[in-house]
Amino acid sequence: MSLSAPELARYIDHTLLKPDATAADIERLCAEAREHHFFAVCVNGSRVALAASRLEDSGIYVAAVVGFPLGATDSDAKRFETESLIDLGAQEIDLVVNIGRLRDGDDRYVFREIRDVIEAAQTVPVKVILETCLLNEAQKRLACSLAVEAGARMVKTSTGFSTGGATIEDVRLLRECVGPKLGVKASGGIRDTPTALAMIEAGATRLGTSAGIAIVQGLSAGTGSY
């Protein structure tokens, strides 16, 4: 695969979701996103307004997580959180699906939850986080089909806060399940250029990572070609 550093940067959601992240950390995240022209920053809800103010007129999106990191909050709470974060300036929503209800086989609940958040988001794109490390193949396929049916714009592998992150196999599976029209975001454990490129080769259209600078610089240094 052949990508320039600026092209690779546009795959990246520059991410900071640590609970102890300070305002200064978020400001640094946004400054780095501006410098390297990443596609988006991804932050917790209480930092959306700050990120939006620092990225105004930059062309860089502000993505906010909903139901993060467990996905176990009530659906109504997720809907309200979505509406609130969009009011604060979120331009993308990364929704953690209710993993327990999915594993129960409660298709109707999971579908309604995703659909309700998408309705609350209106025109703002919603990515559905599946937490693939906690699901078997059948559950991953089911989650993808529900996300597609509900109208999600993208499925995402992981929160980065569970027992595992993105794998090449899961990215390939998600791409197979959603087809060519939906996005696939690989997230969790992507820390170097070869891994990032391999995820894209497997079908990822977006990468969630806190190591975006190192990934892009690795490509510039020629360490990420293959």
Protein backbone atom coordinates (compact mmCIF):
# COMPACT_ATOMS: atom_id res chain seq x y z
CA MET A 1 0.00 0.00 0.00
CA SER A 2 1.29 3.44 -0.90
CA LEU A 3 0.15 6.50 1.06
CA SER A 4 1.77 9.85 1.61
CA ALA A 5 2.02 11.19 5.17
CA PRO A 6 -0.78 13.75 4.56
CA GLU A 7 -3.01 11.02 3.10
CA LEU A 8 -2.39 8.75 6.09
CA ALA A 9 -3.11 11.61 8.50
CA ARG A 10 -6.62 11.93 7.06
CA TYR A 11 -7.43 8.41 8.26
CA ILE A 12 -6.69 9.31 11.87
CA ASP A 13 -8.99 10.27 14.73
CA HIS A 14 -6.46 11.77 17.16
CA THR A 15 -7.76 10.38 20.42
CA LEU A 16 -7.56 11.28 24.10
CA LEU A 17 -10.10 9.52 26.31
CA LYS A 18 -8.14 9.11 29.53
CA PRO A 19 -10.23 10.10 32.56
CA ASP A 20 -7.42 12.26 33.96
CA ALA A 21 -6.90 14.31 30.78
CA THR A 22 -6.66 18.01 31.67
CA ALA A 23 -7.76 21.03 29.68
CA ALA A 24 -4.13 21.58 28.74
CA ASP A 25 -3.96 18.03 27.40
CA ILE A 26 -7.02 18.61 25.22
CA GLU A 27 -5.61 21.90 23.93
CA ARG A 28 -2.39 20.09 23.03
CA LEU A 29 -4.39 17.35 21.28
CA CYS A 30 -6.16 19.96 19.16
CA ALA A 31 -2.94 21.80 18.35
CA GLU A 32 -1.38 18.52 17.20
CA ALA A 33 -4.45 17.76 15.09
CA ARG A 34 -4.11 21.14 13.40
CA GLU A 35 -0.40 20.69 12.82
CA HIS A 36 -0.72 17.23 11.26
CA HIS A 37 -4.14 17.72 9.61
CA PHE A 38 -5.76 14.68 11.20
CA PHE A 39 -9.36 13.95 10.24
CA ALA A 40 -10.76 14.40 13.76
CA VAL A 41 -10.07 14.50 17.46
CA CYS A 42 -12.00 12.08 19.67
CA VAL A 43 -12.71 13.21 23.24
CA ASN A 44 -14.96 12.60 26.22
CA GLY A 45 -18.18 14.58 26.46
CA SER A 46 -17.03 17.10 29.02
CA ARG A 47 -14.23 18.19 26.68
CA VAL A 48 -16.31 18.63 23.52
CA ALA A 49 -16.91 22.36 23.94
CA LEU A 50 -13.21 23.03 24.52
CA ALA A 51 -12.16 20.94 21.52
CA ALA A 52 -14.78 22.59 19.32
CA SER A 53 -13.54 26.04 20.29
CA ARG A 54 -9.92 25.14 19.55
CA LEU A 55 -10.73 23.56 16.18
CA GLU A 56 -13.20 26.14 14.87
CA ASP A 57 -12.74 26.74 11.12
CA SER A 58 -9.92 24.17 10.96
CA GLY A 59 -11.76 21.53 8.95
CA ILE A 60 -10.94 19.00 11.68
CA TYR A 61 -13.95 17.22 13.18
CA VAL A 62 -14.77 16.80 16.85
CA ALA A 63 -15.89 13.26 17.64
CA ALA A 64 -17.46 12.50 21.02
CA VAL A 65 -18.01 9.15 22.73
CA VAL A 66 -21.45 8.16 24.04
CA GLY A 67 -22.13 5.41 26.58
CA PHE A 68 -18.38 5.17 27.04
CA PRO A 69 -16.62 2.91 27.83
CA LEU A 70 -18.99 0.12 28.93
CA GLY A 71 -22.05 0.66 26.74
CA ALA A 72 -24.25 -0.43 29.62
CA THR A 73 -26.07 2.83 30.35
CA ASP A 74 -29.78 3.12 29.60
CA SER A 75 -30.73 3.87 26.01
CA ASP A 76 -32.58 7.06 26.97
CA ALA A 77 -29.43 8.31 28.68
CA LYS A 78 -27.43 7.64 25.52
CA ARG A 79 -29.97 9.54 23.45
CA PHE A 80 -29.86 12.53 25.81
CA GLU A 81 -26.05 12.41 25.89
CA THR A 82 -25.98 12.47 22.09
CA GLU A 83 -28.27 15.50 21.87
CA SER A 84 -26.27 17.33 24.54
CA LEU A 85 -22.90 16.69 22.92
CA ILE A 86 -24.09 17.83 19.50
CA ASP A 87 -25.34 21.04 21.11
CA LEU A 88 -21.82 21.48 22.51
CA GLY A 89 -20.21 21.07 19.10
CA ALA A 90 -19.71 17.34 18.44
CA GLN A 91 -19.63 16.59 14.71
CA GLU A 92 -19.41 12.81 15.02
CA ILE A 93 -20.75 10.41 17.66
CA ASP A 94 -18.93 7.21 18.68
CA LEU A 95 -21.61 5.08 20.39
CA VAL A 96 -20.72 2.07 22.53
CA VAL A 97 -23.36 -0.55 21.81
CA ASN A 98 -25.00 -2.37 24.74
CA ILE A 99 -22.71 -5.38 24.69
CA GLY A 100 -24.57 -7.39 27.33
CA ARG A 101 -27.88 -7.04 25.53
CA LEU A 102 -26.19 -8.00 22.28
CA ARG A 103 -24.77 -11.14 23.90
CA ASP A 104 -28.25 -11.90 25.23
CA GLY A 105 -29.44 -12.01 21.65
CA ASP A 106 -31.77 -9.08 22.30
CA ASP A 107 -31.71 -7.86 18.71
CA ARG A 108 -34.69 -5.59 19.11
CA TYR A 109 -33.21 -3.69 22.06
CA VAL A 110 -29.84 -3.20 20.35
CA PHE A 111 -31.40 -2.09 17.08
CA ARG A 112 -33.71 0.40 18.81
CA GLU A 113 -30.84 1.82 20.84
CA ILE A 114 -28.69 2.40 17.76
CA ARG A 115 -31.63 3.80 15.82
CA ASP A 116 -32.62 6.13 18.67
CA VAL A 117 -29.11 7.57 18.91
CA ILE A 118 -28.97 8.03 15.13
CA GLU A 119 -32.32 9.85 15.24
CA ALA A 120 -31.03 12.05 18.06
CA ALA A 121 -27.88 12.78 16.08
CA GLN A 122 -29.92 13.80 13.01
CA THR A 123 -27.35 14.60 10.31
CA VAL A 124 -24.31 13.98 12.53
CA PRO A 125 -22.63 10.66 11.62
CA VAL A 126 -22.78 7.85 14.19
CA LYS A 127 -20.08 5.20 14.55
CA VAL A 128 -21.15 2.07 16.44
CA ILE A 129 -18.46 0.63 18.74
CA LEU A 130 -18.85 -3.16 18.95
CA GLU A 131 -16.08 -4.06 21.45
CA THR A 132 -15.13 -7.02 19.29
CA CYS A 133 -12.86 -8.61 21.92
CA LEU A 134 -15.99 -9.47 23.94
CA LEU A 135 -17.98 -10.97 21.04
CA ASN A 136 -17.86 -14.18 19.04
CA GLU A 137 -18.07 -14.14 15.26
CA ALA A 138 -21.83 -14.60 15.12
CA GLN A 139 -22.33 -11.70 17.55
CA LYS A 140 -20.01 -9.47 15.52
CA ARG A 141 -21.94 -10.27 12.37
CA LEU A 142 -25.24 -9.59 14.13
CA ALA A 143 -23.99 -6.27 15.51
CA CYS A 144 -22.88 -5.20 12.04
CA SER A 145 -26.23 -6.11 10.49
CA LEU A 146 -28.11 -4.17 13.18
CA ALA A 147 -25.86 -1.14 12.70
CA VAL A 148 -26.41 -1.23 8.94
CA GLU A 149 -30.18 -1.64 9.33
CA ALA A 150 -30.38 1.20 11.85
CA GLY A 151 -28.55 3.61 9.56
CA ALA A 152 -25.11 3.93 11.16
CA ARG A 153 -22.34 5.47 9.10
CA MET A 154 -19.55 3.35 10.50
CA VAL A 155 -18.77 0.37 12.73
CA LYS A 156 -15.82 0.51 15.08
CA THR A 157 -13.86 -2.33 16.63
CA SER A 158 -13.11 -1.23 20.16
CA THR A 159 -13.12 1.33 22.93
CA GLY A 160 -9.49 0.65 23.79
CA PHE A 161 -10.58 0.18 27.42
CA SER A 162 -11.48 -3.52 27.39
CA THR A 163 -9.50 -6.76 27.10
CA GLY A 164 -8.29 -6.17 23.55
CA GLY A 165 -8.20 -3.75 20.66
CA ALA A 166 -8.40 -3.90 16.90
CA THR A 167 -7.16 -6.95 15.00
CA ILE A 168 -6.63 -7.43 11.30
CA GLU A 169 -9.08 -10.34 11.35
CA ASP A 170 -11.83 -8.26 12.95
CA VAL A 171 -11.34 -5.39 10.52
CA ARG A 172 -11.63 -7.81 7.61
CA LEU A 173 -14.75 -9.37 9.13
CA LEU A 174 -16.40 -6.00 9.74
CA ARG A 175 -15.61 -4.89 6.21
CA GLU A 176 -17.12 -8.10 4.84
CA CYS A 177 -20.25 -7.63 6.97
CA VAL A 178 -21.00 -3.98 6.19
CA GLY A 179 -19.96 -4.00 2.54
CA PRO A 180 -18.26 -1.20 0.64
CA LYS A 181 -20.56 1.68 1.58
CA LEU A 182 -20.17 1.88 5.38
CA GLY A 183 -17.02 2.98 7.14
CA VAL A 184 -14.95 0.71 9.38
CA LYS A 185 -12.96 2.28 12.20
CA ALA A 186 -10.08 0.29 13.70
CA SER A 187 -9.37 1.41 17.24
CA GLY A 188 -7.37 0.14 20.18
CA GLY A 189 -3.70 -0.82 20.17
CA ILE A 190 -2.71 0.90 16.90
CA ARG A 191 0.63 2.42 17.83
CA ASP A 192 2.94 2.17 14.82
CA THR A 193 2.97 2.78 11.09
CA PRO A 194 3.02 -0.84 9.86
CA THR A 195 0.01 -1.70 12.03
CA ALA A 196 -1.88 1.36 10.82
CA LEU A 197 -1.22 0.52 7.18
CA ALA A 198 -2.20 -3.10 7.72
CA MET A 199 -5.53 -2.01 9.19
CA ILE A 200 -6.21 0.17 6.16
CA GLU A 201 -5.22 -2.66 3.84
CA ALA A 202 -7.71 -4.91 5.69
CA GLY A 203 -10.55 -2.45 5.07
CA ALA A 204 -10.40 0.28 7.71
CA THR A 205 -11.43 3.74 6.56
CA ARG A 206 -10.60 5.39 9.88
CA LEU A 207 -8.08 4.75 12.65
CA GLY A 208 -8.67 5.69 16.28
CA THR A 209 -5.32 6.14 17.99
CA SER A 210 -3.41 8.26 20.46
CA ALA A 211 -0.22 7.57 18.49
CA GLY A 212 -1.15 9.44 15.32
CA ILE A 213 1.94 11.64 15.31
CA ALA A 214 4.32 8.67 15.58
CA ILE A 215 2.35 6.80 12.89
CA VAL A 216 2.56 9.66 10.39
CA GLN A 217 6.19 10.42 11.20
CA GLY A 218 7.01 6.73 10.76
CA LEU A 219 5.65 6.86 7.24
CA SER A 220 7.64 10.01 6.50
CA ALA A 221 10.76 8.24 7.76
CA GLY A 222 10.11 5.29 5.47
CA THR A 223 9.56 2.78 8.31
CA GLY A 224 5.99 2.02 7.40
CA SER A 225 6.18 0.92 3.79
CA TYR A 226 5.42 -2.67 2.86
